[in-house]
Amino acid sequence: MRPLQKGYLPFMLYEVRSIRCAMQVTLEIPDQYLQGKNQSQTAKQIKLYAALLMFQSGQLSRGAACEFAEVDIYDFFLACKQHQISVMTTPVESIEADVLRFQQRNIH
């Protein structure tokens, strides 16, 4: 490395590469459940169901669940609605307390 000189800033160039890691899972599903179904669509559906369950249990955030299922946020919210999964992570009690505080503040 060259010694520092007036007006000279040493720097190094770094190459940044995006590394995508993925795990492949093989499921043995009896033929009777796949008859007349597209394997690709079935795989996508299983990924979405897994993402929904992990989101519902708190293991994945909304964004992570979308990425996991490879769907956009709108499709994910639609699936949540269809399966009656709340997308609100704030407890109802907390929202009610906020509303009461807001109402009390505006009375005075």
N, C-alpha and C. Protein backbone atom coordinates (compact mmCIF):
# COMPACT_ATOMS: atom_id res chain seq x y z
N MET A 1 0.85 -1.17 0.00
CA MET A 1 0.00 0.00 0.00
C MET A 1 0.89 1.23 0.00
N ARG A 2 0.52 2.20 -0.80
CA ARG A 2 1.30 3.42 -0.87
C ARG A 2 1.15 4.24 0.39
N PRO A 3 2.18 4.93 0.83
CA PRO A 3 2.04 5.79 2.00
C PRO A 3 1.08 6.93 1.68
N LEU A 4 0.38 7.41 2.71
CA LEU A 4 -0.56 8.51 2.53
C LEU A 4 0.17 9.78 2.11
N GLN A 5 -0.35 10.43 1.13
CA GLN A 5 0.20 11.69 0.65
C GLN A 5 -0.92 12.72 0.67
N LYS A 6 -0.54 13.97 0.67
CA LYS A 6 -1.52 15.04 0.65
C LYS A 6 -2.39 14.91 -0.60
N GLY A 7 -3.71 14.91 -0.40
CA GLY A 7 -4.62 14.82 -1.54
C GLY A 7 -4.83 13.40 -2.05
N TYR A 8 -4.30 12.42 -1.36
CA TYR A 8 -4.42 11.04 -1.81
C TYR A 8 -5.25 10.26 -0.80
N LEU A 9 -6.32 9.64 -1.24
CA LEU A 9 -7.14 8.81 -0.38
C LEU A 9 -7.07 7.37 -0.87
N PRO A 10 -6.54 6.50 -0.06
CA PRO A 10 -6.48 5.10 -0.49
C PRO A 10 -7.87 4.48 -0.45
N PHE A 11 -8.16 3.64 -1.38
CA PHE A 11 -9.43 2.94 -1.37
C PHE A 11 -9.24 1.60 -2.07
N MET A 12 -10.15 0.73 -1.77
CA MET A 12 -10.13 -0.59 -2.41
C MET A 12 -11.47 -0.78 -3.11
N LEU A 13 -11.44 -1.43 -4.21
CA LEU A 13 -12.67 -1.73 -4.93
C LEU A 13 -13.17 -3.10 -4.49
N TYR A 14 -14.43 -3.18 -4.19
CA TYR A 14 -15.03 -4.44 -3.80
C TYR A 14 -16.09 -4.81 -4.82
N GLU A 15 -16.14 -6.04 -5.15
CA GLU A 15 -17.19 -6.52 -6.03
C GLU A 15 -18.29 -7.09 -5.15
N VAL A 16 -19.47 -6.58 -5.31
CA VAL A 16 -20.59 -7.04 -4.51
C VAL A 16 -21.44 -7.97 -5.37
N ARG A 17 -21.65 -9.14 -4.88
CA ARG A 17 -22.46 -10.12 -5.60
C ARG A 17 -23.64 -10.52 -4.73
N SER A 18 -24.75 -10.64 -5.36
CA SER A 18 -25.93 -11.11 -4.65
C SER A 18 -25.91 -12.63 -4.67
N ILE A 19 -26.00 -13.20 -3.50
CA ILE A 19 -25.99 -14.65 -3.40
C ILE A 19 -27.37 -15.09 -2.97
N ARG A 20 -27.97 -15.90 -3.78
CA ARG A 20 -29.30 -16.39 -3.46
C ARG A 20 -29.19 -17.84 -3.02
N CYS A 21 -29.58 -18.07 -1.81
CA CYS A 21 -29.57 -19.42 -1.28
C CYS A 21 -31.00 -19.94 -1.27
N ALA A 22 -31.17 -21.14 -1.65
CA ALA A 22 -32.49 -21.73 -1.65
C ALA A 22 -32.39 -23.19 -1.26
N MET A 23 -33.44 -23.67 -0.65
CA MET A 23 -33.50 -25.07 -0.27
C MET A 23 -34.60 -25.71 -1.10
N GLN A 24 -34.35 -26.85 -1.59
CA GLN A 24 -35.36 -27.57 -2.36
C GLN A 24 -35.91 -28.68 -1.48
N VAL A 25 -37.23 -28.75 -1.42
CA VAL A 25 -37.91 -29.74 -0.59
C VAL A 25 -38.69 -30.67 -1.52
N THR A 26 -38.57 -31.94 -1.27
CA THR A 26 -39.31 -32.92 -2.06
C THR A 26 -40.42 -33.50 -1.20
N LEU A 27 -41.64 -33.43 -1.71
CA LEU A 27 -42.79 -33.98 -1.01
C LEU A 27 -43.33 -35.17 -1.78
N GLU A 28 -43.71 -36.19 -1.06
CA GLU A 28 -44.37 -37.33 -1.68
C GLU A 28 -45.86 -37.17 -1.44
N ILE A 29 -46.57 -36.83 -2.50
CA ILE A 29 -48.02 -36.60 -2.41
C ILE A 29 -48.70 -37.71 -3.21
N PRO A 30 -49.62 -38.42 -2.58
CA PRO A 30 -50.32 -39.50 -3.29
C PRO A 30 -51.00 -38.97 -4.56
N ASP A 31 -50.96 -39.78 -5.59
CA ASP A 31 -51.52 -39.40 -6.89
C ASP A 31 -52.98 -38.96 -6.80
N GLN A 32 -53.73 -39.54 -5.91
CA GLN A 32 -55.16 -39.21 -5.82
C GLN A 32 -55.40 -37.74 -5.51
N TYR A 33 -54.40 -37.06 -4.92
CA TYR A 33 -54.56 -35.64 -4.59
C TYR A 33 -54.04 -34.74 -5.71
N LEU A 34 -53.42 -35.32 -6.69
CA LEU A 34 -52.85 -34.53 -7.79
C LEU A 34 -53.54 -34.77 -9.12
N GLN A 35 -54.51 -35.66 -9.15
CA GLN A 35 -55.17 -35.98 -10.41
C GLN A 35 -55.80 -34.74 -11.02
N GLY A 36 -55.41 -34.48 -12.26
CA GLY A 36 -55.97 -33.35 -13.00
C GLY A 36 -55.43 -32.00 -12.56
N LYS A 37 -54.39 -31.99 -11.72
CA LYS A 37 -53.83 -30.72 -11.25
C LYS A 37 -52.44 -30.50 -11.83
N ASN A 38 -52.15 -29.28 -12.11
CA ASN A 38 -50.84 -28.88 -12.62
C ASN A 38 -49.84 -28.91 -11.46
N GLN A 39 -48.72 -29.60 -11.65
CA GLN A 39 -47.73 -29.72 -10.58
C GLN A 39 -47.15 -28.38 -10.18
N SER A 40 -46.92 -27.52 -11.14
CA SER A 40 -46.36 -26.20 -10.87
C SER A 40 -47.31 -25.37 -10.02
N GLN A 41 -48.59 -25.39 -10.38
CA GLN A 41 -49.60 -24.65 -9.61
C GLN A 41 -49.74 -25.23 -8.20
N THR A 42 -49.67 -26.55 -8.09
CA THR A 42 -49.77 -27.18 -6.78
C THR A 42 -48.58 -26.78 -5.91
N ALA A 43 -47.39 -26.73 -6.48
CA ALA A 43 -46.19 -26.32 -5.73
C ALA A 43 -46.34 -24.87 -5.25
N LYS A 44 -46.84 -23.99 -6.11
CA LYS A 44 -47.05 -22.59 -5.72
C LYS A 44 -48.07 -22.48 -4.60
N GLN A 45 -49.13 -23.28 -4.69
CA GLN A 45 -50.17 -23.26 -3.67
C GLN A 45 -49.62 -23.74 -2.32
N ILE A 46 -48.80 -24.78 -2.34
CA ILE A 46 -48.21 -25.29 -1.09
C ILE A 46 -47.29 -24.23 -0.48
N LYS A 47 -46.51 -23.55 -1.32
CA LYS A 47 -45.63 -22.48 -0.82
C LYS A 47 -46.45 -21.35 -0.19
N LEU A 48 -47.56 -21.00 -0.84
CA LEU A 48 -48.41 -19.94 -0.29
C LEU A 48 -49.01 -20.37 1.04
N TYR A 49 -49.50 -21.61 1.13
CA TYR A 49 -50.07 -22.10 2.39
C TYR A 49 -49.02 -22.12 3.50
N ALA A 50 -47.81 -22.52 3.17
CA ALA A 50 -46.74 -22.53 4.17
C ALA A 50 -46.44 -21.11 4.63
N ALA A 51 -46.38 -20.17 3.70
CA ALA A 51 -46.12 -18.77 4.04
C ALA A 51 -47.24 -18.21 4.90
N LEU A 52 -48.48 -18.53 4.58
CA LEU A 52 -49.62 -18.07 5.37
C LEU A 52 -49.54 -18.59 6.80
N LEU A 53 -49.22 -19.85 6.95
CA LEU A 53 -49.14 -20.44 8.28
C LEU A 53 -47.98 -19.82 9.08
N MET A 54 -46.84 -19.64 8.43
CA MET A 54 -45.70 -19.06 9.14
C MET A 54 -45.94 -17.59 9.48
N PHE A 55 -46.67 -16.88 8.62
CA PHE A 55 -47.04 -15.50 8.93
C PHE A 55 -48.00 -15.47 10.11
N GLN A 56 -49.01 -16.32 10.06
CA GLN A 56 -50.02 -16.37 11.12
C GLN A 56 -49.40 -16.71 12.47
N SER A 57 -48.40 -17.57 12.46
CA SER A 57 -47.77 -17.99 13.72
C SER A 57 -46.68 -17.03 14.18
N GLY A 58 -46.41 -15.99 13.36
CA GLY A 58 -45.41 -14.99 13.75
C GLY A 58 -43.99 -15.33 13.34
N GLN A 59 -43.81 -16.40 12.60
CA GLN A 59 -42.47 -16.80 12.16
C GLN A 59 -41.96 -15.95 11.00
N LEU A 60 -42.88 -15.40 10.21
CA LEU A 60 -42.51 -14.56 9.07
C LEU A 60 -43.26 -13.24 9.14
N SER A 61 -42.61 -12.17 8.74
CA SER A 61 -43.29 -10.88 8.58
C SER A 61 -44.11 -10.93 7.30
N ARG A 62 -44.92 -9.89 7.08
CA ARG A 62 -45.69 -9.84 5.82
C ARG A 62 -44.77 -9.87 4.61
N GLY A 63 -43.72 -9.05 4.66
CA GLY A 63 -42.80 -8.99 3.53
C GLY A 63 -42.07 -10.29 3.30
N ALA A 64 -41.63 -10.92 4.38
CA ALA A 64 -40.92 -12.20 4.26
C ALA A 64 -41.86 -13.29 3.74
N ALA A 65 -43.11 -13.26 4.18
CA ALA A 65 -44.08 -14.24 3.70
C ALA A 65 -44.35 -14.08 2.21
N CYS A 66 -44.42 -12.83 1.75
CA CYS A 66 -44.60 -12.57 0.32
C CYS A 66 -43.42 -13.10 -0.47
N GLU A 67 -42.23 -12.83 0.04
CA GLU A 67 -41.02 -13.31 -0.64
C GLU A 67 -40.98 -14.83 -0.65
N PHE A 68 -41.31 -15.44 0.47
CA PHE A 68 -41.33 -16.90 0.57
C PHE A 68 -42.28 -17.51 -0.45
N ALA A 69 -43.48 -16.94 -0.53
CA ALA A 69 -44.51 -17.48 -1.43
C ALA A 69 -44.36 -16.99 -2.87
N GLU A 70 -43.45 -16.03 -3.07
CA GLU A 70 -43.23 -15.44 -4.40
C GLU A 70 -44.51 -14.81 -4.96
N VAL A 71 -45.18 -14.03 -4.09
CA VAL A 71 -46.37 -13.28 -4.51
C VAL A 71 -46.21 -11.84 -4.06
N ASP A 72 -46.97 -10.94 -4.68
CA ASP A 72 -46.91 -9.55 -4.23
C ASP A 72 -47.80 -9.38 -3.01
N ILE A 73 -47.69 -8.23 -2.37
CA ILE A 73 -48.40 -7.97 -1.12
C ILE A 73 -49.91 -8.03 -1.30
N TYR A 74 -50.40 -7.63 -2.48
CA TYR A 74 -51.85 -7.62 -2.72
C TYR A 74 -52.39 -9.05 -2.81
N ASP A 75 -51.69 -9.92 -3.50
CA ASP A 75 -52.11 -11.32 -3.58
C ASP A 75 -52.00 -11.99 -2.21
N PHE A 76 -50.98 -11.61 -1.44
CA PHE A 76 -50.82 -12.18 -0.10
C PHE A 76 -51.98 -11.74 0.80
N PHE A 77 -52.33 -10.45 0.76
CA PHE A 77 -53.45 -9.95 1.57
C PHE A 77 -54.75 -10.62 1.15
N LEU A 78 -54.94 -10.84 -0.14
CA LEU A 78 -56.14 -11.52 -0.63
C LEU A 78 -56.20 -12.94 -0.08
N ALA A 79 -55.07 -13.65 -0.09
CA ALA A 79 -55.03 -15.00 0.46
C ALA A 79 -55.31 -14.98 1.96
N CYS A 80 -54.78 -13.98 2.66
CA CYS A 80 -55.06 -13.85 4.09
C CYS A 80 -56.56 -13.67 4.32
N LYS A 81 -57.18 -12.83 3.51
CA LYS A 81 -58.61 -12.60 3.64
C LYS A 81 -59.40 -13.88 3.37
N GLN A 82 -59.02 -14.61 2.33
CA GLN A 82 -59.71 -15.84 1.98
C GLN A 82 -59.61 -16.89 3.08
N HIS A 83 -58.50 -16.87 3.82
CA HIS A 83 -58.28 -17.87 4.88
C HIS A 83 -58.47 -17.29 6.27
N GLN A 84 -59.09 -16.09 6.31
CA GLN A 84 -59.43 -15.42 7.56
C GLN A 84 -58.22 -15.27 8.49
N ILE A 85 -57.11 -14.79 7.91
CA ILE A 85 -55.89 -14.52 8.67
C ILE A 85 -55.74 -13.01 8.76
N SER A 86 -55.66 -12.50 9.96
CA SER A 86 -55.53 -11.06 10.16
C SER A 86 -54.16 -10.58 9.70
N VAL A 87 -54.15 -9.46 8.98
CA VAL A 87 -52.88 -8.87 8.57
C VAL A 87 -52.44 -7.78 9.53
N MET A 88 -53.29 -7.48 10.51
CA MET A 88 -52.96 -6.50 11.53
C MET A 88 -52.19 -7.20 12.64
N THR A 89 -51.04 -6.68 12.97
CA THR A 89 -50.24 -7.28 14.03
C THR A 89 -50.41 -6.54 15.35
N THR A 90 -51.15 -5.44 15.32
CA THR A 90 -51.41 -4.67 16.53
C THR A 90 -52.63 -5.25 17.22
N PRO A 91 -52.51 -5.59 18.51
CA PRO A 91 -53.66 -6.15 19.22
C PRO A 91 -54.83 -5.17 19.27
N VAL A 92 -56.04 -5.69 19.24
CA VAL A 92 -57.25 -4.87 19.25
C VAL A 92 -57.27 -3.97 20.49
N GLU A 93 -56.83 -4.49 21.61
CA GLU A 93 -56.83 -3.71 22.85
C GLU A 93 -55.96 -2.46 22.72
N SER A 94 -54.83 -2.59 22.05
CA SER A 94 -53.93 -1.45 21.86
C SER A 94 -54.57 -0.39 20.97
N ILE A 95 -55.27 -0.82 19.94
CA ILE A 95 -55.96 0.12 19.04
C ILE A 95 -57.08 0.82 19.80
N GLU A 96 -57.83 0.06 20.58
CA GLU A 96 -58.92 0.66 21.36
C GLU A 96 -58.39 1.69 22.35
N ALA A 97 -57.27 1.39 23.00
CA ALA A 97 -56.66 2.33 23.95
C ALA A 97 -56.22 3.60 23.23
N ASP A 98 -55.65 3.45 22.03
CA ASP A 98 -55.25 4.62 21.25
C ASP A 98 -56.45 5.48 20.88
N VAL A 99 -57.56 4.86 20.51
CA VAL A 99 -58.78 5.60 20.15
C VAL A 99 -59.29 6.36 21.37
N LEU A 100 -59.31 5.71 22.52
CA LEU A 100 -59.77 6.38 23.74
C LEU A 100 -58.89 7.58 24.09
N ARG A 101 -57.57 7.41 23.99
CA ARG A 101 -56.66 8.54 24.25
C ARG A 101 -56.90 9.67 23.28
N PHE A 102 -57.12 9.35 22.03
CA PHE A 102 -57.39 10.36 21.01
C PHE A 102 -58.69 11.11 21.32
N GLN A 103 -59.73 10.35 21.69
CA GLN A 103 -61.02 10.96 22.01
C GLN A 103 -60.90 11.87 23.23
N GLN A 104 -60.17 11.44 24.26
CA GLN A 104 -60.01 12.24 25.46
C GLN A 104 -59.22 13.52 25.17
N ARG A 105 -58.24 13.42 24.32
CA ARG A 105 -57.42 14.58 23.95
C ARG A 105 -58.26 15.60 23.22
N ASN A 106 -59.18 15.16 22.37
CA ASN A 106 -59.98 16.08 21.56
C ASN A 106 -61.19 16.64 22.30
N ILE A 107 -61.52 16.10 23.47
CA ILE A 107 -62.64 16.63 24.26
C ILE A 107 -62.25 17.95 24.88
N HIS A 108 -61.04 18.09 25.30
CA HIS A 108 -60.60 19.30 26.00
C HIS A 108 -60.22 20.37 25.05
